[in-house]
Amino acid sequence: MAFVLVKENESLENALRRFRRKVQREATMKDCKKSSVYLKPGDKKRMKEHRARKRIRRYLRRKREREIW
């Protein structure tokens, strides 16, 4: 669980910004969203393959962009 101690003379906005950054770093929200819905094993496999294809396409697109320059 992420927590932030508010320092003296620190605005609430700054403390909130530090808290959000800490939560993001710990991937708390990502884990919460991932475990909120049950996926069947076949669906998990399809999602994993989809992410892999997307990652490869992104890699190839960036590689092509670098070759142009």
PDB file of N, CA and C in Angstrom:
ATOM      1  N   MET A   1       0.844  -1.176   0.000  1.00  0.00           N
ATOM      2  CA  MET A   1       0.000   0.000   0.000  1.00  0.00           C
ATOM      3  C   MET A   1       0.889   1.239   0.000  1.00  0.00           C
ATOM      4  N   ALA A   2       0.634   2.119  -0.907  1.00  0.00           N
ATOM      5  CA  ALA A   2       1.418   3.343  -1.021  1.00  0.00           C
ATOM      6  C   ALA A   2       0.882   4.396  -0.055  1.00  0.00           C
ATOM      7  N   PHE A   3       1.792   5.102   0.561  1.00  0.00           N
ATOM      8  CA  PHE A   3       1.393   6.228   1.404  1.00  0.00           C
ATOM      9  C   PHE A   3       2.460   7.303   1.323  1.00  0.00           C
ATOM     10  N   VAL A   4       2.039   8.530   1.573  1.00  0.00           N
ATOM     11  CA  VAL A   4       2.940   9.669   1.489  1.00  0.00           C
ATOM     12  C   VAL A   4       2.717  10.527   2.714  1.00  0.00           C
ATOM     13  N   LEU A   5       3.799  10.903   3.359  1.00  0.00           N
ATOM     14  CA  LEU A   5       3.704  11.820   4.487  1.00  0.00           C
ATOM     15  C   LEU A   5       3.798  13.246   3.968  1.00  0.00           C
ATOM     16  N   VAL A   6       2.848  14.070   4.375  1.00  0.00           N
ATOM     17  CA  VAL A   6       2.836  15.458   3.936  1.00  0.00           C
ATOM     18  C   VAL A   6       3.846  16.223   4.773  1.00  0.00           C
ATOM     19  N   LYS A   7       4.801  16.851   4.109  1.00  0.00           N
ATOM     20  CA  LYS A   7       5.845  17.601   4.795  1.00  0.00           C
ATOM     21  C   LYS A   7       5.322  18.968   5.225  1.00  0.00           C
ATOM     22  N   GLU A   8       6.063  19.587   6.104  1.00  0.00           N
ATOM     23  CA  GLU A   8       5.693  20.942   6.519  1.00  0.00           C
ATOM     24  C   GLU A   8       5.797  21.886   5.341  1.00  0.00           C
ATOM     25  N   ASN A   9       4.888  22.816   5.265  1.00  0.00           N
ATOM     26  CA  ASN A   9       4.845  23.828   4.197  1.00  0.00           C
ATOM     27  C   ASN A   9       4.761  23.211   2.798  1.00  0.00           C
ATOM     28  N   GLU A  10       4.193  22.010   2.700  1.00  0.00           N
ATOM     29  CA  GLU A  10       4.014  21.382   1.400  1.00  0.00           C
ATOM     30  C   GLU A  10       2.536  21.435   1.047  1.00  0.00           C
ATOM     31  N   SER A  11       2.263  21.832  -0.163  1.00  0.00           N
ATOM     32  CA  SER A  11       0.868  21.925  -0.575  1.00  0.00           C
ATOM     33  C   SER A  11       0.284  20.529  -0.770  1.00  0.00           C
ATOM     34  N   LEU A  12      -1.020  20.469  -0.664  1.00  0.00           N
ATOM     35  CA  LEU A  12      -1.707  19.197  -0.844  1.00  0.00           C
ATOM     36  C   LEU A  12      -1.553  18.691  -2.270  1.00  0.00           C
ATOM     37  N   GLU A  13      -1.500  19.605  -3.233  1.00  0.00           N
ATOM     38  CA  GLU A  13      -1.338  19.209  -4.629  1.00  0.00           C
ATOM     39  C   GLU A  13      -0.007  18.483  -4.849  1.00  0.00           C
ATOM     40  N   ASN A  14       1.064  19.004  -4.233  1.00  0.00           N
ATOM     41  CA  ASN A  14       2.375  18.358  -4.372  1.00  0.00           C
ATOM     42  C   ASN A  14       2.378  16.975  -3.730  1.00  0.00           C
ATOM     43  N   ALA A  15       1.744  16.862  -2.571  1.00  0.00           N
ATOM     44  CA  ALA A  15       1.680  15.567  -1.898  1.00  0.00           C
ATOM     45  C   ALA A  15       0.868  14.576  -2.729  1.00  0.00           C
ATOM     46  N   LEU A  16      -0.223  15.056  -3.307  1.00  0.00           N
ATOM     47  CA  LEU A  16      -1.042  14.199  -4.150  1.00  0.00           C
ATOM     48  C   LEU A  16      -0.276  13.757  -5.388  1.00  0.00           C
ATOM     49  N   ARG A  17       0.501  14.657  -5.972  1.00  0.00           N
ATOM     50  CA  ARG A  17       1.314  14.323  -7.135  1.00  0.00           C
ATOM     51  C   ARG A  17       2.335  13.244  -6.766  1.00  0.00           C
ATOM     52  N   ARG A  18       2.980  13.376  -5.613  1.00  0.00           N
ATOM     53  CA  ARG A  18       3.947  12.364  -5.169  1.00  0.00           C
ATOM     54  C   ARG A  18       3.267  11.020  -4.943  1.00  0.00           C
ATOM     55  N   PHE A  19       2.041  11.071  -4.367  1.00  0.00           N
ATOM     56  CA  PHE A  19       1.294   9.840  -4.117  1.00  0.00           C
ATOM     57  C   PHE A  19       0.951   9.133  -5.424  1.00  0.00           C
ATOM     58  N   ARG A  20       0.455   9.878  -6.402  1.00  0.00           N
ATOM     59  CA  ARG A  20       0.101   9.285  -7.695  1.00  0.00           C
ATOM     60  C   ARG A  20       1.315   8.664  -8.364  1.00  0.00           C
ATOM     61  N   ARG A  21       2.452   9.347  -8.299  1.00  0.00           N
ATOM     62  CA  ARG A  21       3.687   8.830  -8.896  1.00  0.00           C
ATOM     63  C   ARG A  21       4.099   7.526  -8.209  1.00  0.00           C
ATOM     64  N   LYS A  22       3.959   7.490  -6.887  1.00  0.00           N
ATOM     65  CA  LYS A  22       4.337   6.311  -6.126  1.00  0.00           C
ATOM     66  C   LYS A  22       3.422   5.128  -6.468  1.00  0.00           C
ATOM     67  N   VAL A  23       2.131   5.394  -6.581  1.00  0.00           N
ATOM     68  CA  VAL A  23       1.180   4.347  -6.943  1.00  0.00           C
ATOM     69  C   VAL A  23       1.498   3.813  -8.336  1.00  0.00           C
ATOM     70  N   GLN A  24       1.814   4.705  -9.254  1.00  0.00           N
ATOM     71  CA  GLN A  24       2.138   4.293 -10.618  1.00  0.00           C
ATOM     72  C   GLN A  24       3.409   3.458 -10.635  1.00  0.00           C
ATOM     73  N   ARG A  25       4.407   3.860  -9.864  1.00  0.00           N
ATOM     74  CA  ARG A  25       5.669   3.125  -9.808  1.00  0.00           C
ATOM     75  C   ARG A  25       5.457   1.717  -9.259  1.00  0.00           C
ATOM     76  N   GLU A  26       4.579   1.580  -8.274  1.00  0.00           N
ATOM     77  CA  GLU A  26       4.342   0.276  -7.670  1.00  0.00           C
ATOM     78  C   GLU A  26       3.391  -0.580  -8.502  1.00  0.00           C
ATOM     79  N   ALA A  27       2.818  -0.009  -9.546  1.00  0.00           N
ATOM     80  CA  ALA A  27       1.878  -0.708 -10.439  1.00  0.00           C
ATOM     81  C   ALA A  27       0.661  -1.213  -9.680  1.00  0.00           C
ATOM     82  N   THR A  28       0.233  -0.477  -8.675  1.00  0.00           N
ATOM     83  CA  THR A  28      -0.911  -0.875  -7.866  1.00  0.00           C
ATOM     84  C   THR A  28      -2.193  -0.888  -8.684  1.00  0.00           C
ATOM     85  N   MET A  29      -2.413   0.157  -9.462  1.00  0.00           N
ATOM     86  CA  MET A  29      -3.642   0.240 -10.247  1.00  0.00           C
ATOM     87  C   MET A  29      -3.673  -0.820 -11.344  1.00  0.00           C
ATOM     88  N   LYS A  30      -2.534  -1.109 -11.936  1.00  0.00           N
ATOM     89  CA  LYS A  30      -2.469  -2.121 -12.989  1.00  0.00           C
ATOM     90  C   LYS A  30      -2.873  -3.482 -12.428  1.00  0.00           C
ATOM     91  N   ASP A  31      -2.347  -3.830 -11.245  1.00  0.00           N
ATOM     92  CA  ASP A  31      -2.694  -5.103 -10.619  1.00  0.00           C
ATOM     93  C   ASP A  31      -4.166  -5.155 -10.264  1.00  0.00           C
ATOM     94  N   CYS A  32      -4.695  -4.046  -9.790  1.00  0.00           N
ATOM     95  CA  CYS A  32      -6.104  -3.983  -9.410  1.00  0.00           C
ATOM     96  C   CYS A  32      -6.995  -4.216 -10.622  1.00  0.00           C
ATOM     97  N   LYS A  33      -6.683  -3.558 -11.738  1.00  0.00           N
ATOM     98  CA  LYS A  33      -7.488  -3.720 -12.943  1.00  0.00           C
ATOM     99  C   LYS A  33      -7.360  -5.134 -13.497  1.00  0.00           C
ATOM    100  N   LYS A  34      -6.155  -5.699 -13.431  1.00  0.00           N
ATOM    101  CA  LYS A  34      -5.929  -7.019 -13.983  1.00  0.00           C
ATOM    102  C   LYS A  34      -6.716  -8.083 -13.213  1.00  0.00           C
ATOM    103  N   SER A  35      -6.782  -7.951 -11.907  1.00  0.00           N
ATOM    104  CA  SER A  35      -7.441  -8.973 -11.108  1.00  0.00           C
ATOM    105  C   SER A  35      -8.927  -8.709 -10.910  1.00  0.00           C
ATOM    106  N   SER A  36      -9.461  -7.620 -11.456  1.00  0.00           N
ATOM    107  CA  SER A  36     -10.871  -7.315 -11.245  1.00  0.00           C
ATOM    108  C   SER A  36     -11.786  -8.159 -12.124  1.00  0.00           C
ATOM    109  N   VAL A  37     -11.268  -8.697 -13.229  1.00  0.00           N
ATOM    110  CA  VAL A  37     -12.070  -9.471 -14.163  1.00  0.00           C
ATOM    111  C   VAL A  37     -11.406 -10.820 -14.374  1.00  0.00           C
ATOM    112  N   TYR A  38     -12.199 -11.887 -14.316  1.00  0.00           N
ATOM    113  CA  TYR A  38     -11.663 -13.220 -14.565  1.00  0.00           C
ATOM    114  C   TYR A  38     -11.602 -13.466 -16.064  1.00  0.00           C
ATOM    115  N   LEU A  39     -10.453 -13.916 -16.535  1.00  0.00           N
ATOM    116  CA  LEU A  39     -10.293 -14.302 -17.930  1.00  0.00           C
ATOM    117  C   LEU A  39     -10.067 -15.807 -17.996  1.00  0.00           C
ATOM    118  N   LYS A  40     -10.778 -16.439 -18.914  1.00  0.00           N
ATOM    119  CA  LYS A  40     -10.583 -17.869 -19.101  1.00  0.00           C
ATOM    120  C   LYS A  40      -9.183 -18.090 -19.680  1.00  0.00           C
ATOM    121  N   PRO A  41      -8.608 -19.263 -19.457  1.00  0.00           N
ATOM    122  CA  PRO A  41      -7.255 -19.525 -19.951  1.00  0.00           C
ATOM    123  C   PRO A  41      -7.101 -19.289 -21.451  1.00  0.00           C
ATOM    124  N   GLY A  42      -8.098 -19.662 -22.254  1.00  0.00           N
ATOM    125  CA  GLY A  42      -8.024 -19.435 -23.696  1.00  0.00           C
ATOM    126  C   GLY A  42      -8.004 -17.954 -24.031  1.00  0.00           C
ATOM    127  N   ASP A  43      -8.803 -17.160 -23.302  1.00  0.00           N
ATOM    128  CA  ASP A  43      -8.823 -15.715 -23.515  1.00  0.00           C
ATOM    129  C   ASP A  43      -7.496 -15.084 -23.131  1.00  0.00           C
ATOM    130  N   LYS A  44      -6.901 -15.576 -22.044  1.00  0.00           N
ATOM    131  CA  LYS A  44      -5.590 -15.065 -21.623  1.00  0.00           C
ATOM    132  C   LYS A  44      -4.558 -15.316 -22.723  1.00  0.00           C
ATOM    133  N   LYS A  45      -4.616 -16.525 -23.298  1.00  0.00           N
ATOM    134  CA  LYS A  45      -3.664 -16.890 -24.347  1.00  0.00           C
ATOM    135  C   LYS A  45      -3.842 -15.983 -25.560  1.00  0.00           C
ATOM    136  N   ARG A  46      -5.102 -15.733 -25.952  1.00  0.00           N
ATOM    137  CA  ARG A  46      -5.368 -14.857 -27.095  1.00  0.00           C
ATOM    138  C   ARG A  46      -4.869 -13.439 -26.831  1.00  0.00           C
ATOM    139  N   MET A  47      -5.108 -12.938 -25.636  1.00  0.00           N
ATOM    140  CA  MET A  47      -4.644 -11.594 -25.282  1.00  0.00           C
ATOM    141  C   MET A  47      -3.121 -11.521 -25.324  1.00  0.00           C
ATOM    142  N   LYS A  48      -2.467 -12.562 -24.819  1.00  0.00           N
ATOM    143  CA  LYS A  48      -1.006 -12.588 -24.816  1.00  0.00           C
ATOM    144  C   LYS A  48      -0.459 -12.582 -26.240  1.00  0.00           C
ATOM    145  N   GLU A  49      -1.073 -13.369 -27.128  1.00  0.00           N
ATOM    146  CA  GLU A  49      -0.641 -13.396 -28.528  1.00  0.00           C
ATOM    147  C   GLU A  49      -0.888 -12.052 -29.205  1.00  0.00           C
ATOM    148  N   HIS A  50      -2.019 -11.447 -28.895  1.00  0.00           N
ATOM    149  CA  HIS A  50      -2.347 -10.130 -29.467  1.00  0.00           C
ATOM    150  C   HIS A  50      -1.308  -9.084 -29.042  1.00  0.00           C
ATOM    151  N   ARG A  51      -0.953  -9.080 -27.759  1.00  0.00           N
ATOM    152  CA  ARG A  51       0.057  -8.128 -27.266  1.00  0.00           C
ATOM    153  C   ARG A  51       1.402  -8.374 -27.932  1.00  0.00           C
ATOM    154  N   ALA A  52       1.748  -9.648 -28.164  1.00  0.00           N
ATOM    155  CA  ALA A  52       3.023  -9.973 -28.815  1.00  0.00           C
ATOM    156  C   ALA A  52       3.037  -9.458 -30.249  1.00  0.00           C
ATOM    157  N   ARG A  53       1.919  -9.671 -30.988  1.00  0.00           N
ATOM    158  CA  ARG A  53       1.849  -9.163 -32.362  1.00  0.00           C
ATOM    159  C   ARG A  53       1.954  -7.648 -32.394  1.00  0.00           C
ATOM    160  N   LYS A  54       1.279  -7.000 -31.449  1.00  0.00           N
ATOM    161  CA  LYS A  54       1.305  -5.541 -31.380  1.00  0.00           C
ATOM    162  C   LYS A  54       2.719  -5.042 -31.078  1.00  0.00           C
ATOM    163  N   ARG A  55       3.407  -5.716 -30.174  1.00  0.00           N
ATOM    164  CA  ARG A  55       4.776  -5.339 -29.816  1.00  0.00           C
ATOM    165  C   ARG A  55       5.708  -5.476 -31.020  1.00  0.00           C
ATOM    166  N   ILE A  56       5.547  -6.565 -31.779  1.00  0.00           N
ATOM    167  CA  ILE A  56       6.383  -6.781 -32.961  1.00  0.00           C
ATOM    168  C   ILE A  56       6.110  -5.728 -34.018  1.00  0.00           C
ATOM    169  N   ARG A  57       4.815  -5.424 -34.254  1.00  0.00           N
ATOM    170  CA  ARG A  57       4.483  -4.386 -35.236  1.00  0.00           C
ATOM    171  C   ARG A  57       5.086  -3.050 -34.846  1.00  0.00           C
ATOM    172  N   ARG A  58       5.015  -2.695 -33.559  1.00  0.00           N
ATOM    173  CA  ARG A  58       5.586  -1.433 -33.083  1.00  0.00           C
ATOM    174  C   ARG A  58       7.094  -1.427 -33.294  1.00  0.00           C
ATOM    175  N   TYR A  59       7.760  -2.545 -33.001  1.00  0.00           N
ATOM    176  CA  TYR A  59       9.198  -2.650 -33.191  1.00  0.00           C
ATOM    177  C   TYR A  59       9.568  -2.454 -34.659  1.00  0.00           C
ATOM    178  N   LEU A  60       8.842  -3.132 -35.557  1.00  0.00           N
ATOM    179  CA  LEU A  60       9.145  -3.022 -36.987  1.00  0.00           C
ATOM    180  C   LEU A  60       8.877  -1.616 -37.514  1.00  0.00           C
ATOM    181  N   ARG A  61       7.797  -0.979 -37.048  1.00  0.00           N
ATOM    182  CA  ARG A  61       7.489   0.380 -37.489  1.00  0.00           C
ATOM    183  C   ARG A  61       8.586   1.348 -37.060  1.00  0.00           C
ATOM    184  N   ARG A  62       9.039   1.229 -35.822  1.00  0.00           N
ATOM    185  CA  ARG A  62      10.106   2.111 -35.343  1.00  0.00           C
ATOM    186  C   ARG A  62      11.413   1.844 -36.078  1.00  0.00           C
ATOM    187  N   LYS A  63      11.654   0.583 -36.410  1.00  0.00           N
ATOM    188  CA  LYS A  63      12.870   0.239 -37.141  1.00  0.00           C
ATOM    189  C   LYS A  63      12.845   0.864 -38.538  1.00  0.00           C
ATOM    190  N   ARG A  64      11.671   0.819 -39.199  1.00  0.00           N
ATOM    191  CA  ARG A  64      11.533   1.446 -40.509  1.00  0.00           C
ATOM    192  C   ARG A  64      11.719   2.948 -40.445  1.00  0.00           C
ATOM    193  N   GLU A  65      11.184   3.570 -39.390  1.00  0.00           N
ATOM    194  CA  GLU A  65      11.326   5.029 -39.233  1.00  0.00           C
ATOM    195  C   GLU A  65      12.786   5.414 -39.070  1.00  0.00           C
ATOM    196  N   ARG A  66      13.540   4.600 -38.345  1.00  0.00           N
ATOM    197  CA  ARG A  66      14.961   4.893 -38.143  1.00  0.00           C
ATOM    198  C   ARG A  66      15.742   4.756 -39.457  1.00  0.00           C
ATOM    199  N   GLU A  67      15.344   3.811 -40.304  1.00  0.00           N
ATOM    200  CA  GLU A  67      16.036   3.597 -41.578  1.00  0.00           C
ATOM    201  C   GLU A  67      15.818   4.767 -42.530  1.00  0.00           C
ATOM    202  N   ILE A  68      14.685   5.404 -42.435  1.00  0.00           N
ATOM    203  CA  ILE A  68      14.379   6.544 -43.318  1.00  0.00           C
ATOM    204  C   ILE A  68      15.336   7.691 -43.032  1.00  0.00           C
ATOM    205  N   TRP A  69      15.595   7.943 -41.790  1.00  0.00           N
ATOM    206  CA  TRP A  69      16.471   9.063 -41.422  1.00  0.00           C
ATOM    207  C   TRP A  69      17.870   8.609 -41.624  1.00  0.00           C
TER     208      TRP A  69
END
